[in-house]
Amino acid sequence: MKKLHFTSMLFAVAISATALVSCKEKPANTIETEATQEEDKLSTKIVENPTQITFEKDLHDFGEIIQGEKVNTEFKFTNTGKNDLLISDAYGSCGCTVPEWPKEPIAPGQSGVIKVQFNSANRSGLFNKTVTVVANTQPNSNSKLIIKGTIIVPKD
């Protein structure tokens, strides 16, 4: 009798273990495979329909400016891609260089402007500053805009 009871218990444990193993939703590698397939689809879509930004110029030389002046320039760009262009950020290499950019999407073929102000207060000599533009472009690389010039200290 004890032998029958032990066999029944062993059978019940085996059934329970089988049920637990077979009830898993999906093996981890299946989930990874599905995620990878979704990423591949998205990647293919981006390659087929890239978003691109093309600047008329990426360098502006202010020449000579007087110390203390705030000078401004504009960098005109065009969305040369096939999707809306979204500029999520633009920042200067220091606090003296302040960009302003369009916050709304730029449709394919449309143009926009990034305004840059440079404050020469408390500075002198040559300067070379960078504005980094972060956008949804493909390949995913930030655009660099450069402003440069010479700050002249006025004589007393």
C-alpha atoms as a PDB file:
ATOM      1  CA  MET A   1       0.000   0.000   0.000  1.00  0.00           C
ATOM      2  CA  LYS A   2       2.826   2.368   0.893  1.00  0.00           C
ATOM      3  CA  LYS A   3       4.462   1.584  -2.445  1.00  0.00           C
ATOM      4  CA  LEU A   4       1.255   2.544  -4.315  1.00  0.00           C
ATOM      5  CA  HIS A   5       0.947   5.806  -2.343  1.00  0.00           C
ATOM      6  CA  PHE A   6       4.598   6.721  -3.101  1.00  0.00           C
ATOM      7  CA  THR A   7       4.109   5.964  -6.802  1.00  0.00           C
ATOM      8  CA  SER A   8       0.953   8.109  -6.895  1.00  0.00           C
ATOM      9  CA  MET A   9       2.754  10.996  -5.253  1.00  0.00           C
ATOM     10  CA  LEU A  10       5.690  10.716  -7.626  1.00  0.00           C
ATOM     11  CA  PHE A  11       3.257  10.699 -10.568  1.00  0.00           C
ATOM     12  CA  ALA A  12       1.474  13.818  -9.213  1.00  0.00           C
ATOM     13  CA  VAL A  13       4.787  15.669  -8.823  1.00  0.00           C
ATOM     14  CA  ALA A  14       5.788  14.728 -12.381  1.00  0.00           C
ATOM     15  CA  ILE A  15       2.426  15.977 -13.750  1.00  0.00           C
ATOM     16  CA  SER A  16       2.720  19.252 -11.800  1.00  0.00           C
ATOM     17  CA  ALA A  17       6.254  19.856 -13.035  1.00  0.00           C
ATOM     18  CA  THR A  18       5.193  19.214 -16.627  1.00  0.00           C
ATOM     19  CA  ALA A  19       2.259  21.596 -16.255  1.00  0.00           C
ATOM     20  CA  LEU A  20       4.484  24.342 -14.857  1.00  0.00           C
ATOM     21  CA  VAL A  21       7.029  24.013 -17.638  1.00  0.00           C
ATOM     22  CA  SER A  22       4.414  23.926 -20.389  1.00  0.00           C
ATOM     23  CA  CYS A  23       2.535  26.955 -18.979  1.00  0.00           C
ATOM     24  CA  LYS A  24       5.354  29.417 -19.545  1.00  0.00           C
ATOM     25  CA  GLU A  25       4.193  32.199 -21.816  1.00  0.00           C
ATOM     26  CA  LYS A  26       7.211  32.241 -24.108  1.00  0.00           C
ATOM     27  CA  PRO A  27      10.835  31.337 -23.650  1.00  0.00           C
ATOM     28  CA  ALA A  28      13.116  34.333 -23.144  1.00  0.00           C
ATOM     29  CA  ASN A  29      14.908  33.769 -26.443  1.00  0.00           C
ATOM     30  CA  THR A  30      11.551  33.916 -28.291  1.00  0.00           C
ATOM     31  CA  ILE A  31      10.817  37.318 -26.766  1.00  0.00           C
ATOM     32  CA  GLU A  32      14.282  38.550 -27.740  1.00  0.00           C
ATOM     33  CA  THR A  33      13.768  37.256 -31.277  1.00  0.00           C
ATOM     34  CA  GLU A  34      10.433  39.084 -31.585  1.00  0.00           C
ATOM     35  CA  ALA A  35      11.975  42.298 -30.204  1.00  0.00           C
ATOM     36  CA  THR A  36      14.877  41.989 -32.629  1.00  0.00           C
ATOM     37  CA  GLN A  37      12.462  41.467 -35.530  1.00  0.00           C
ATOM     38  CA  GLU A  38      10.539  44.629 -34.528  1.00  0.00           C
ATOM     39  CA  GLU A  39      13.797  46.592 -34.312  1.00  0.00           C
ATOM     40  CA  ASP A  40      14.810  45.289 -37.751  1.00  0.00           C
ATOM     41  CA  LYS A  41      11.471  46.429 -39.208  1.00  0.00           C
ATOM     42  CA  LEU A  42      11.901  49.878 -37.667  1.00  0.00           C
ATOM     43  CA  SER A  43      15.501  50.047 -38.852  1.00  0.00           C
ATOM     44  CA  THR A  44      14.443  49.157 -42.390  1.00  0.00           C
ATOM     45  CA  LYS A  45      11.729  51.822 -42.309  1.00  0.00           C
ATOM     46  CA  ILE A  46      14.229  54.452 -41.177  1.00  0.00           C
ATOM     47  CA  VAL A  47      16.710  53.486 -43.895  1.00  0.00           C
ATOM     48  CA  GLU A  48      13.966  53.587 -46.540  1.00  0.00           C
ATOM     49  CA  ASN A  49      12.619  56.934 -45.272  1.00  0.00           C
ATOM     50  CA  PRO A  50      15.540  58.784 -43.693  1.00  0.00           C
ATOM     51  CA  THR A  51      15.222  62.205 -42.121  1.00  0.00           C
ATOM     52  CA  GLN A  52      18.041  64.538 -43.083  1.00  0.00           C
ATOM     53  CA  ILE A  53      19.004  68.128 -42.396  1.00  0.00           C
ATOM     54  CA  THR A  54      21.102  70.169 -44.800  1.00  0.00           C
ATOM     55  CA  PHE A  55      22.542  73.532 -43.795  1.00  0.00           C
ATOM     56  CA  GLU A  56      23.325  76.277 -46.325  1.00  0.00           C
ATOM     57  CA  LYS A  57      26.491  76.868 -44.289  1.00  0.00           C
ATOM     58  CA  ASP A  58      27.876  75.416 -41.083  1.00  0.00           C
ATOM     59  CA  LEU A  59      30.425  78.163 -40.320  1.00  0.00           C
ATOM     60  CA  HIS A  60      29.980  81.876 -39.671  1.00  0.00           C
ATOM     61  CA  ASP A  61      32.934  84.216 -39.211  1.00  0.00           C
ATOM     62  CA  PHE A  62      31.996  87.427 -37.380  1.00  0.00           C
ATOM     63  CA  GLY A  63      35.374  88.924 -38.186  1.00  0.00           C
ATOM     64  CA  GLU A  64      36.393  91.570 -35.672  1.00  0.00           C
ATOM     65  CA  ILE A  65      33.933  92.584 -32.960  1.00  0.00           C
ATOM     66  CA  ILE A  66      34.323  94.954 -30.021  1.00  0.00           C
ATOM     67  CA  GLN A  67      34.514  93.395 -26.556  1.00  0.00           C
ATOM     68  CA  GLY A  68      31.106  93.516 -24.879  1.00  0.00           C
ATOM     69  CA  GLU A  69      29.078  93.305 -28.102  1.00  0.00           C
ATOM     70  CA  LYS A  70      26.333  90.737 -28.549  1.00  0.00           C
ATOM     71  CA  VAL A  71      26.358  89.565 -32.155  1.00  0.00           C
ATOM     72  CA  ASN A  72      23.834  87.414 -33.976  1.00  0.00           C
ATOM     73  CA  THR A  73      23.792  85.133 -36.986  1.00  0.00           C
ATOM     74  CA  GLU A  74      21.404  82.637 -38.565  1.00  0.00           C
ATOM     75  CA  PHE A  75      22.002  79.187 -39.995  1.00  0.00           C
ATOM     76  CA  LYS A  76      19.372  78.325 -42.602  1.00  0.00           C
ATOM     77  CA  PHE A  77      18.593  74.629 -43.109  1.00  0.00           C
ATOM     78  CA  THR A  78      16.308  72.461 -45.210  1.00  0.00           C
ATOM     79  CA  ASN A  79      14.737  69.108 -44.403  1.00  0.00           C
ATOM     80  CA  THR A  80      16.140  67.065 -47.285  1.00  0.00           C
ATOM     81  CA  GLY A  81      14.715  63.817 -45.926  1.00  0.00           C
ATOM     82  CA  LYS A  82      11.419  62.039 -46.436  1.00  0.00           C
ATOM     83  CA  ASN A  83      10.019  62.404 -42.884  1.00  0.00           C
ATOM     84  CA  ASP A  84       9.269  65.365 -40.626  1.00  0.00           C
ATOM     85  CA  LEU A  85      12.401  66.820 -39.069  1.00  0.00           C
ATOM     86  CA  LEU A  86      12.256  67.357 -35.311  1.00  0.00           C
ATOM     87  CA  ILE A  87      15.014  69.336 -33.623  1.00  0.00           C
ATOM     88  CA  SER A  88      14.943  68.261 -29.995  1.00  0.00           C
ATOM     89  CA  ASP A  89      17.836  70.387 -28.743  1.00  0.00           C
ATOM     90  CA  ALA A  90      20.554  72.829 -29.724  1.00  0.00           C
ATOM     91  CA  TYR A  91      23.263  73.940 -27.333  1.00  0.00           C
ATOM     92  CA  GLY A  92      26.388  76.055 -27.391  1.00  0.00           C
ATOM     93  CA  SER A  93      29.832  74.957 -26.312  1.00  0.00           C
ATOM     94  CA  CYS A  94      29.710  77.609 -23.567  1.00  0.00           C
ATOM     95  CA  GLY A  95      27.223  79.975 -21.943  1.00  0.00           C
ATOM     96  CA  CYS A  96      28.293  82.834 -24.215  1.00  0.00           C
ATOM     97  CA  THR A  97      26.787  81.063 -27.244  1.00  0.00           C
ATOM     98  CA  VAL A  98      23.003  80.744 -27.186  1.00  0.00           C
ATOM     99  CA  PRO A  99      21.031  79.085 -30.014  1.00  0.00           C
ATOM    100  CA  GLU A 100      17.315  79.377 -30.732  1.00  0.00           C
ATOM    101  CA  TRP A 101      15.669  76.741 -32.942  1.00  0.00           C
ATOM    102  CA  PRO A 102      12.194  75.899 -34.302  1.00  0.00           C
ATOM    103  CA  LYS A 103      10.214  73.661 -31.939  1.00  0.00           C
ATOM    104  CA  GLU A 104       7.611  72.571 -34.518  1.00  0.00           C
ATOM    105  CA  PRO A 105       8.220  69.755 -37.034  1.00  0.00           C
ATOM    106  CA  ILE A 106       9.738  70.779 -40.358  1.00  0.00           C
ATOM    107  CA  ALA A 107       8.092  68.933 -43.266  1.00  0.00           C
ATOM    108  CA  PRO A 108      10.191  67.364 -46.039  1.00  0.00           C
ATOM    109  CA  GLY A 109      11.389  70.062 -48.435  1.00  0.00           C
ATOM    110  CA  GLN A 110      10.673  72.866 -45.967  1.00  0.00           C
ATOM    111  CA  SER A 111      13.273  75.175 -44.450  1.00  0.00           C
ATOM    112  CA  GLY A 112      13.953  76.715 -41.070  1.00  0.00           C
ATOM    113  CA  VAL A 113      16.501  78.825 -39.238  1.00  0.00           C
ATOM    114  CA  ILE A 114      18.639  78.336 -36.156  1.00  0.00           C
ATOM    115  CA  LYS A 115      19.501  81.709 -34.638  1.00  0.00           C
ATOM    116  CA  VAL A 116      22.731  82.020 -32.646  1.00  0.00           C
ATOM    117  CA  GLN A 117      23.747  84.855 -30.356  1.00  0.00           C
ATOM    118  CA  PHE A 118      27.325  85.274 -29.121  1.00  0.00           C
ATOM    119  CA  ASN A 119      28.072  87.505 -26.117  1.00  0.00           C
ATOM    120  CA  SER A 120      31.649  88.785 -26.145  1.00  0.00           C
ATOM    121  CA  ALA A 121      31.545  90.355 -22.663  1.00  0.00           C
ATOM    122  CA  ASN A 122      34.712  89.717 -20.623  1.00  0.00           C
ATOM    123  CA  ARG A 123      36.404  87.947 -23.540  1.00  0.00           C
ATOM    124  CA  SER A 124      39.213  88.927 -25.847  1.00  0.00           C
ATOM    125  CA  GLY A 125      41.175  87.591 -28.787  1.00  0.00           C
ATOM    126  CA  LEU A 126      40.222  84.770 -31.111  1.00  0.00           C
ATOM    127  CA  PHE A 127      37.115  82.710 -30.433  1.00  0.00           C
ATOM    128  CA  ASN A 128      35.784  79.554 -32.015  1.00  0.00           C
ATOM    129  CA  LYS A 129      32.496  78.219 -30.599  1.00  0.00           C
ATOM    130  CA  THR A 130      30.308  75.282 -31.565  1.00  0.00           C
ATOM    131  CA  VAL A 131      26.540  74.836 -31.580  1.00  0.00           C
ATOM    132  CA  THR A 132      25.420  71.200 -31.513  1.00  0.00           C
ATOM    133  CA  VAL A 133      22.052  70.455 -33.114  1.00  0.00           C
ATOM    134  CA  VAL A 134      20.228  67.306 -31.959  1.00  0.00           C
ATOM    135  CA  ALA A 135      17.532  66.069 -34.349  1.00  0.00           C
ATOM    136  CA  ASN A 136      15.847  62.877 -35.532  1.00  0.00           C
ATOM    137  CA  THR A 137      18.204  62.541 -38.499  1.00  0.00           C
ATOM    138  CA  GLN A 138      19.472  59.284 -39.959  1.00  0.00           C
ATOM    139  CA  PRO A 139      22.140  58.242 -39.633  1.00  0.00           C
ATOM    140  CA  ASN A 140      21.816  59.454 -36.068  1.00  0.00           C
ATOM    141  CA  SER A 141      24.522  62.088 -35.843  1.00  0.00           C
ATOM    142  CA  ASN A 142      24.396  65.574 -34.376  1.00  0.00           C
ATOM    143  CA  SER A 143      25.078  68.529 -36.647  1.00  0.00           C
ATOM    144  CA  LYS A 144      27.817  70.983 -35.646  1.00  0.00           C
ATOM    145  CA  LEU A 145      27.616  74.683 -36.443  1.00  0.00           C
ATOM    146  CA  ILE A 146      30.637  76.905 -35.843  1.00  0.00           C
ATOM    147  CA  ILE A 147      30.952  80.612 -35.101  1.00  0.00           C
ATOM    148  CA  LYS A 148      34.299  82.338 -34.902  1.00  0.00           C
ATOM    149  CA  GLY A 149      35.940  85.719 -34.915  1.00  0.00           C
ATOM    150  CA  THR A 150      38.241  88.057 -33.059  1.00  0.00           C
ATOM    151  CA  ILE A 151      37.260  90.154 -30.045  1.00  0.00           C
ATOM    152  CA  ILE A 152      38.992  93.531 -29.959  1.00  0.00           C
ATOM    153  CA  VAL A 153      39.474  95.184 -26.564  1.00  0.00           C
ATOM    154  CA  PRO A 154      38.736  98.911 -26.851  1.00  0.00           C
ATOM    155  CA  LYS A 155      41.540 101.266 -25.834  1.00  0.00           C
ATOM    156  CA  ASP A 156      40.786 103.495 -22.878  1.00  0.00           C
END
